[in-house]
C-alpha cells in the first residue's frame, strides 16, 4: 500500500540480564543481536512492543522511498 508508514527498529543494547519478557519482545521484533535491524509496519501492536524495550532499541520512521530503495 502506498504511503503506509514503516519503522526501522535496530537493537542497540544486549538483552542479556534483562527480564525474560524483554528478551521475548526482542525476538518478536525480529531482533536478537546488537546491530540487527528489522523493518516493520507502523502499527499499534509494534509500537507497544517497542514501548516495552525502548532502552534496548533505536527506532527510525521510514518513507516508502527509504524502504524500497528510492526507486525512480
N, C-alpha and C. Protein backbone atom coordinates (compact mmCIF):
# COMPACT_ATOMS: atom_id res chain seq x y z
N UNK A 1 0.84 -1.18 0.00
CA UNK A 1 0.00 0.00 0.00
C UNK A 1 0.88 1.24 0.00
N UNK A 2 0.57 2.16 -0.87
CA UNK A 2 1.37 3.37 -0.96
C UNK A 2 1.12 4.26 0.25
N UNK A 3 2.18 4.83 0.77
CA UNK A 3 2.07 5.74 1.88
C UNK A 3 1.96 5.10 3.25
N UNK A 4 2.01 3.78 3.31
CA UNK A 4 1.93 3.10 4.61
C UNK A 4 3.21 3.38 5.39
N UNK A 5 3.11 3.82 6.64
CA UNK A 5 4.31 4.12 7.42
C UNK A 5 5.04 2.85 7.86
N UNK A 6 6.36 2.93 7.91
CA UNK A 6 7.20 1.80 8.31
C UNK A 6 8.21 2.28 9.36
N UNK A 7 8.69 1.36 10.15
CA UNK A 7 9.67 1.65 11.18
C UNK A 7 10.89 0.76 10.99
N UNK A 8 12.06 1.35 11.11
CA UNK A 8 13.30 0.57 11.13
C UNK A 8 13.70 0.47 12.59
N UNK A 9 13.68 -0.74 13.12
CA UNK A 9 13.99 -0.97 14.53
C UNK A 9 15.35 -1.66 14.60
N UNK A 10 16.30 -1.03 15.31
CA UNK A 10 17.65 -1.55 15.44
C UNK A 10 17.95 -1.83 16.90
N UNK A 11 18.48 -3.00 17.18
CA UNK A 11 18.87 -3.33 18.55
C UNK A 11 20.21 -2.66 18.85
N UNK A 12 20.27 -1.87 19.93
CA UNK A 12 21.49 -1.15 20.27
C UNK A 12 22.11 -1.61 21.58
N UNK A 13 21.37 -2.38 22.37
CA UNK A 13 21.91 -2.91 23.63
C UNK A 13 21.55 -4.38 23.75
N UNK A 14 22.32 -5.09 24.54
CA UNK A 14 22.14 -6.52 24.70
C UNK A 14 20.91 -6.84 25.56
N UNK A 15 20.31 -7.97 25.24
CA UNK A 15 19.19 -8.46 26.04
C UNK A 15 19.64 -9.31 27.21
N UNK A 16 20.95 -9.56 27.32
CA UNK A 16 21.47 -10.35 28.43
C UNK A 16 21.23 -9.60 29.73
N UNK A 17 20.71 -10.29 30.70
CA UNK A 17 20.46 -9.68 32.01
C UNK A 17 19.14 -8.96 32.11
N UNK A 18 18.37 -8.93 31.02
CA UNK A 18 17.06 -8.29 31.07
C UNK A 18 16.01 -9.34 31.44
N UNK A 19 14.81 -8.88 31.66
CA UNK A 19 13.71 -9.78 32.02
C UNK A 19 13.37 -10.68 30.83
N UNK A 20 12.90 -11.88 31.10
CA UNK A 20 12.52 -12.79 30.00
C UNK A 20 11.50 -12.18 29.03
N UNK A 21 10.58 -11.38 29.53
CA UNK A 21 9.60 -10.75 28.63
C UNK A 21 10.28 -9.79 27.67
N UNK A 22 11.34 -9.11 28.14
CA UNK A 22 12.07 -8.19 27.26
C UNK A 22 12.78 -8.97 26.17
N UNK A 23 13.39 -10.08 26.53
CA UNK A 23 14.08 -10.91 25.53
C UNK A 23 13.08 -11.46 24.51
N UNK A 24 11.92 -11.87 24.99
CA UNK A 24 10.88 -12.37 24.09
C UNK A 24 10.38 -11.29 23.15
N UNK A 25 10.28 -10.07 23.65
CA UNK A 25 9.84 -8.96 22.82
C UNK A 25 10.86 -8.67 21.73
N UNK A 26 12.15 -8.73 22.07
CA UNK A 26 13.18 -8.55 21.05
C UNK A 26 13.04 -9.60 19.95
N UNK A 27 12.81 -10.85 20.34
CA UNK A 27 12.66 -11.92 19.35
C UNK A 27 11.42 -11.67 18.49
N UNK A 28 10.34 -11.21 19.11
CA UNK A 28 9.11 -10.95 18.37
C UNK A 28 9.29 -9.80 17.37
N UNK A 29 10.20 -8.88 17.69
CA UNK A 29 10.50 -7.78 16.77
C UNK A 29 11.48 -8.20 15.67
N UNK A 30 11.95 -9.45 15.74
CA UNK A 30 12.87 -9.94 14.73
C UNK A 30 14.31 -9.56 15.01
N UNK A 31 14.61 -9.26 16.26
CA UNK A 31 15.95 -8.87 16.65
C UNK A 31 16.58 -9.98 17.48
N UNK A 32 17.77 -9.77 17.99
CA UNK A 32 18.40 -10.78 18.81
C UNK A 32 19.88 -10.52 18.99
N UNK A 33 20.44 -9.68 18.14
CA UNK A 33 21.85 -9.33 18.26
C UNK A 33 22.00 -7.83 18.13
N UNK A 34 22.99 -7.28 18.79
CA UNK A 34 23.25 -5.85 18.70
C UNK A 34 23.58 -5.52 17.25
N UNK A 35 22.97 -4.46 16.75
CA UNK A 35 23.22 -4.02 15.38
C UNK A 35 22.24 -4.56 14.36
N UNK A 36 21.46 -5.55 14.73
CA UNK A 36 20.48 -6.12 13.80
C UNK A 36 19.31 -5.15 13.64
N UNK A 37 18.87 -4.96 12.40
CA UNK A 37 17.77 -4.06 12.09
C UNK A 37 16.66 -4.83 11.40
N UNK A 38 15.43 -4.48 11.73
CA UNK A 38 14.27 -5.08 11.07
C UNK A 38 13.32 -3.96 10.70
N UNK A 39 12.75 -4.04 9.51
CA UNK A 39 11.77 -3.05 9.05
C UNK A 39 10.38 -3.62 9.27
N UNK A 40 9.58 -2.88 10.03
CA UNK A 40 8.26 -3.36 10.43
C UNK A 40 7.21 -2.29 10.13
N UNK A 41 5.96 -2.70 9.90
CA UNK A 41 4.90 -1.71 9.68
C UNK A 41 4.62 -0.94 10.97
N UNK A 42 4.27 0.32 10.81
CA UNK A 42 3.98 1.18 11.96
C UNK A 42 2.53 0.95 12.38
N UNK A 43 2.35 -0.03 13.29
CA UNK A 43 1.02 -0.38 13.79
C UNK A 43 1.05 -0.32 15.31
N UNK A 44 -0.12 -0.20 15.94
CA UNK A 44 -0.17 -0.11 17.40
C UNK A 44 0.50 -1.30 18.11
N UNK A 45 0.38 -2.50 17.54
CA UNK A 45 0.98 -3.68 18.18
C UNK A 45 2.50 -3.56 18.21
N UNK A 46 3.07 -3.09 17.11
CA UNK A 46 4.52 -2.93 17.02
C UNK A 46 4.98 -1.81 17.94
N UNK A 47 4.24 -0.71 17.96
CA UNK A 47 4.58 0.41 18.86
C UNK A 47 4.54 -0.05 20.32
N UNK A 48 3.60 -0.90 20.66
CA UNK A 48 3.50 -1.42 22.02
C UNK A 48 4.70 -2.27 22.39
N UNK A 49 5.18 -3.10 21.45
CA UNK A 49 6.36 -3.91 21.71
C UNK A 49 7.59 -3.02 21.88
N UNK A 50 7.68 -2.00 21.05
CA UNK A 50 8.82 -1.08 21.16
C UNK A 50 8.78 -0.34 22.49
N UNK A 51 7.58 0.00 22.96
CA UNK A 51 7.43 0.70 24.23
C UNK A 51 7.89 -0.15 25.41
N UNK A 52 7.89 -1.47 25.25
CA UNK A 52 8.34 -2.37 26.31
C UNK A 52 9.87 -2.39 26.43
N UNK A 53 10.56 -2.14 25.31
CA UNK A 53 12.03 -2.25 25.31
C UNK A 53 12.72 -1.01 24.72
N UNK A 54 12.30 0.20 25.09
CA UNK A 54 12.90 1.39 24.46
C UNK A 54 14.38 1.56 24.80
N UNK A 55 14.82 0.98 25.91
CA UNK A 55 16.21 1.09 26.34
C UNK A 55 17.13 0.15 25.57
N UNK A 56 16.55 -0.76 24.78
CA UNK A 56 17.34 -1.73 24.03
C UNK A 56 17.35 -1.48 22.53
N UNK A 57 16.46 -0.62 22.04
CA UNK A 57 16.33 -0.43 20.60
C UNK A 57 16.37 1.04 20.20
N UNK A 58 16.66 1.25 18.92
CA UNK A 58 16.60 2.58 18.31
C UNK A 58 15.58 2.48 17.19
N UNK A 59 14.68 3.46 17.09
CA UNK A 59 13.60 3.41 16.12
C UNK A 59 13.71 4.59 15.17
N UNK A 60 13.55 4.29 13.88
CA UNK A 60 13.59 5.32 12.85
C UNK A 60 12.37 5.14 11.96
N UNK A 61 11.65 6.23 11.67
CA UNK A 61 10.49 6.16 10.79
C UNK A 61 10.97 6.24 9.35
N UNK A 62 10.42 5.38 8.49
CA UNK A 62 10.82 5.33 7.10
C UNK A 62 9.69 5.78 6.19
N UNK A 63 10.07 6.33 5.05
CA UNK A 63 9.10 6.60 3.99
C UNK A 63 9.14 5.42 3.03
N UNK A 64 8.24 5.39 2.09
CA UNK A 64 8.24 4.32 1.09
C UNK A 64 9.54 4.33 0.29
N UNK A 65 10.07 5.53 0.00
CA UNK A 65 11.33 5.61 -0.75
C UNK A 65 12.48 5.00 0.03
N UNK A 66 12.53 5.24 1.35
CA UNK A 66 13.58 4.65 2.19
C UNK A 66 13.46 3.13 2.19
N UNK A 67 12.25 2.63 2.30
CA UNK A 67 12.02 1.19 2.43
C UNK A 67 12.32 0.43 1.14
N UNK A 68 11.97 1.03 0.00
CA UNK A 68 12.12 0.34 -1.27
C UNK A 68 13.42 0.67 -1.98
N UNK A 69 14.22 1.56 -1.43
CA UNK A 69 15.47 1.92 -2.07
C UNK A 69 15.37 3.16 -2.94
N UNK A 70 14.26 3.89 -2.88
CA UNK A 70 14.12 5.15 -3.61
C UNK A 70 14.01 4.98 -5.11
N UNK A 71 13.46 3.88 -5.55
CA UNK A 71 13.38 3.60 -7.00
C UNK A 71 12.64 4.67 -7.77
N UNK A 72 13.27 5.15 -8.84
CA UNK A 72 12.62 6.15 -9.70
C UNK A 72 12.49 5.60 -11.10
